[in-house]
């Protein structure tokens, strides 16, 4: 019916733009849960990997900062005395702490 009255023939770019927006909206709706969790993954990865690099493998701090550096910005706060790392990225904060030589580092909830 759309082709009969010529809407697509008269406005091909508008029709294509509308179709792209419709597909994009469908993809966002389909992937809504993973997209909501993604910001937490950045800070959790940074905290856990930095903690493991520093306290399990005993690498220097500068090496570990380079090891966990990503193209998305994140900050790292290290508490060497308690062997705890707090990382912030995309507005989320995660903490990891060293459990022991056999257990390694574990993600924990941030301290308020």
C-alpha atoms as a PDB file:
ATOM      1  CA  UNK A   1       0.000   0.000   0.000  1.00  0.00           C
ATOM      2  CA  UNK A   2       2.901   2.374   0.706  1.00  0.00           C
ATOM      3  CA  UNK A   3       4.434   1.728  -2.701  1.00  0.00           C
ATOM      4  CA  UNK A   4       1.061   2.324  -4.425  1.00  0.00           C
ATOM      5  CA  UNK A   5       0.722   5.943  -3.347  1.00  0.00           C
ATOM      6  CA  UNK A   6       4.435   6.575  -3.948  1.00  0.00           C
ATOM      7  CA  UNK A   7       5.583   7.712  -0.497  1.00  0.00           C
ATOM      8  CA  UNK A   8       8.828   5.731  -0.712  1.00  0.00           C
ATOM      9  CA  UNK A   9       9.467   6.937  -4.273  1.00  0.00           C
ATOM     10  CA  UNK A  10       8.854  10.582  -3.360  1.00  0.00           C
ATOM     11  CA  UNK A  11      10.860  10.537  -0.092  1.00  0.00           C
ATOM     12  CA  UNK A  12      13.493   7.767  -0.263  1.00  0.00           C
ATOM     13  CA  UNK A  13      15.900   9.361   2.257  1.00  0.00           C
ATOM     14  CA  UNK A  14      13.163  10.071   4.796  1.00  0.00           C
ATOM     15  CA  UNK A  15      11.907   6.509   4.455  1.00  0.00           C
ATOM     16  CA  UNK A  16      15.402   5.098   4.848  1.00  0.00           C
ATOM     17  CA  UNK A  17      16.073   7.341   7.878  1.00  0.00           C
ATOM     18  CA  UNK A  18      12.841   6.230   9.515  1.00  0.00           C
ATOM     19  CA  UNK A  19      13.686   2.583   8.871  1.00  0.00           C
ATOM     20  CA  UNK A  20      17.175   3.016  10.376  1.00  0.00           C
ATOM     21  CA  UNK A  21      15.699   4.705  13.475  1.00  0.00           C
ATOM     22  CA  UNK A  22      13.148   1.932  13.841  1.00  0.00           C
ATOM     23  CA  UNK A  23      15.847  -0.758  13.622  1.00  0.00           C
ATOM     24  CA  UNK A  24      18.076   1.151  16.061  1.00  0.00           C
ATOM     25  CA  UNK A  25      15.218   1.474  18.563  1.00  0.00           C
ATOM     26  CA  UNK A  26      14.558  -2.264  18.272  1.00  0.00           C
ATOM     27  CA  UNK A  27      18.224  -3.102  18.893  1.00  0.00           C
ATOM     28  CA  UNK A  28      18.397  -0.800  21.913  1.00  0.00           C
ATOM     29  CA  UNK A  29      15.256  -2.383  23.325  1.00  0.00           C
ATOM     30  CA  UNK A  30      16.634  -5.885  22.735  1.00  0.00           C
ATOM     31  CA  UNK A  31      19.995  -5.078  24.382  1.00  0.00           C
ATOM     32  CA  UNK A  32      18.621  -2.819  27.157  1.00  0.00           C
ATOM     33  CA  UNK A  33      19.798  -4.975  30.092  1.00  0.00           C
ATOM     34  CA  UNK A  34      23.411  -5.413  28.887  1.00  0.00           C
ATOM     35  CA  UNK A  35      23.557  -1.697  28.054  1.00  0.00           C
ATOM     36  CA  UNK A  36      22.498  -0.832  31.620  1.00  0.00           C
ATOM     37  CA  UNK A  37      25.166  -3.100  33.116  1.00  0.00           C
ATOM     38  CA  UNK A  38      28.016  -1.944  30.850  1.00  0.00           C
ATOM     39  CA  UNK A  39      29.135   1.078  32.957  1.00  0.00           C
ATOM     40  CA  UNK A  40      29.647  -1.177  35.990  1.00  0.00           C
ATOM     41  CA  UNK A  41      31.818  -3.556  33.994  1.00  0.00           C
ATOM     42  CA  UNK A  42      34.415  -0.838  33.301  1.00  0.00           C
ATOM     43  CA  UNK A  43      35.055   0.013  36.951  1.00  0.00           C
ATOM     44  CA  UNK A  44      34.835  -3.619  38.107  1.00  0.00           C
ATOM     45  CA  UNK A  45      37.351  -4.796  35.505  1.00  0.00           C
ATOM     46  CA  UNK A  46      39.739  -1.965  36.362  1.00  0.00           C
ATOM     47  CA  UNK A  47      39.555  -2.576  40.133  1.00  0.00           C
ATOM     48  CA  UNK A  48      39.905  -6.364  39.913  1.00  0.00           C
ATOM     49  CA  UNK A  49      42.703  -6.451  37.350  1.00  0.00           C
ATOM     50  CA  UNK A  50      44.676  -3.656  39.027  1.00  0.00           C
ATOM     51  CA  UNK A  51      44.361  -5.363  42.408  1.00  0.00           C
ATOM     52  CA  UNK A  52      45.589  -8.651  40.946  1.00  0.00           C
ATOM     53  CA  UNK A  53      48.434  -6.960  39.114  1.00  0.00           C
ATOM     54  CA  UNK A  54      49.619  -5.091  42.235  1.00  0.00           C
ATOM     55  CA  UNK A  55      49.020  -7.481  45.111  1.00  0.00           C
ATOM     56  CA  UNK A  56      49.002 -10.971  43.595  1.00  0.00           C
ATOM     57  CA  UNK A  57      51.716 -10.570  40.959  1.00  0.00           C
ATOM     58  CA  UNK A  58      53.512  -7.735  42.874  1.00  0.00           C
ATOM     59  CA  UNK A  59      54.099  -5.505  39.843  1.00  0.00           C
ATOM     60  CA  UNK A  60      54.920  -1.780  40.233  1.00  0.00           C
ATOM     61  CA  UNK A  61      52.005   0.669  40.335  1.00  0.00           C
ATOM     62  CA  UNK A  62      52.889   2.406  37.054  1.00  0.00           C
ATOM     63  CA  UNK A  63      53.053  -0.905  35.200  1.00  0.00           C
ATOM     64  CA  UNK A  64      49.638  -1.925  36.541  1.00  0.00           C
ATOM     65  CA  UNK A  65      48.085   1.438  35.620  1.00  0.00           C
ATOM     66  CA  UNK A  66      49.257   0.897  32.058  1.00  0.00           C
ATOM     67  CA  UNK A  67      48.060  -2.714  32.141  1.00  0.00           C
ATOM     68  CA  UNK A  68      44.461  -1.810  33.010  1.00  0.00           C
ATOM     69  CA  UNK A  69      44.297   1.400  30.961  1.00  0.00           C
ATOM     70  CA  UNK A  70      41.340   1.451  28.585  1.00  0.00           C
ATOM     71  CA  UNK A  71      40.087   3.875  25.998  1.00  0.00           C
ATOM     72  CA  UNK A  72      37.267   4.790  28.384  1.00  0.00           C
ATOM     73  CA  UNK A  73      38.488   7.002  31.236  1.00  0.00           C
ATOM     74  CA  UNK A  74      38.700   5.576  34.739  1.00  0.00           C
ATOM     75  CA  UNK A  75      40.399   6.568  37.978  1.00  0.00           C
ATOM     76  CA  UNK A  76      42.232   4.276  40.384  1.00  0.00           C
ATOM     77  CA  UNK A  77      42.694   4.857  44.100  1.00  0.00           C
ATOM     78  CA  UNK A  78      45.033   2.386  45.794  1.00  0.00           C
ATOM     79  CA  UNK A  79      45.146   1.728  49.541  1.00  0.00           C
ATOM     80  CA  UNK A  80      48.455  -0.159  49.845  1.00  0.00           C
ATOM     81  CA  UNK A  81      48.178  -0.603  53.595  1.00  0.00           C
ATOM     82  CA  UNK A  82      44.868  -2.507  53.419  1.00  0.00           C
ATOM     83  CA  UNK A  83      45.579  -3.871  49.911  1.00  0.00           C
ATOM     84  CA  UNK A  84      42.372  -2.386  48.543  1.00  0.00           C
ATOM     85  CA  UNK A  85      41.700  -0.712  45.193  1.00  0.00           C
ATOM     86  CA  UNK A  86      38.818   1.593  44.296  1.00  0.00           C
ATOM     87  CA  UNK A  87      38.188   2.290  40.621  1.00  0.00           C
ATOM     88  CA  UNK A  88      35.710   4.707  39.094  1.00  0.00           C
ATOM     89  CA  UNK A  89      34.601   4.673  35.484  1.00  0.00           C
ATOM     90  CA  UNK A  90      31.520   5.923  33.617  1.00  0.00           C
ATOM     91  CA  UNK A  91      30.034   7.195  36.883  1.00  0.00           C
ATOM     92  CA  UNK A  92      30.240   3.842  38.682  1.00  0.00           C
ATOM     93  CA  UNK A  93      32.589   2.834  41.482  1.00  0.00           C
ATOM     94  CA  UNK A  94      33.919  -0.638  42.255  1.00  0.00           C
ATOM     95  CA  UNK A  95      36.253  -1.947  44.914  1.00  0.00           C
ATOM     96  CA  UNK A  96      38.530  -4.949  44.986  1.00  0.00           C
ATOM     97  CA  UNK A  97      40.611  -6.170  47.879  1.00  0.00           C
ATOM     98  CA  UNK A  98      43.324  -8.725  48.299  1.00  0.00           C
ATOM     99  CA  UNK A  99      42.059 -11.839  50.098  1.00  0.00           C
ATOM    100  CA  UNK A 100      45.324 -13.775  50.297  1.00  0.00           C
ATOM    101  CA  UNK A 101      47.949 -15.406  48.140  1.00  0.00           C
ATOM    102  CA  UNK A 102      45.775 -18.411  47.312  1.00  0.00           C
ATOM    103  CA  UNK A 103      42.498 -16.489  46.952  1.00  0.00           C
ATOM    104  CA  UNK A 104      43.827 -13.470  45.048  1.00  0.00           C
ATOM    105  CA  UNK A 105      41.644 -10.369  44.746  1.00  0.00           C
ATOM    106  CA  UNK A 106      37.880 -10.219  45.082  1.00  0.00           C
ATOM    107  CA  UNK A 107      35.395  -7.565  44.110  1.00  0.00           C
ATOM    108  CA  UNK A 108      33.557  -6.074  47.051  1.00  0.00           C
ATOM    109  CA  UNK A 109      30.919  -3.447  47.505  1.00  0.00           C
ATOM    110  CA  UNK A 110      32.225   0.105  47.942  1.00  0.00           C
ATOM    111  CA  UNK A 111      32.438   1.567  51.424  1.00  0.00           C
ATOM    112  CA  UNK A 112      29.972   4.465  51.839  1.00  0.00           C
END
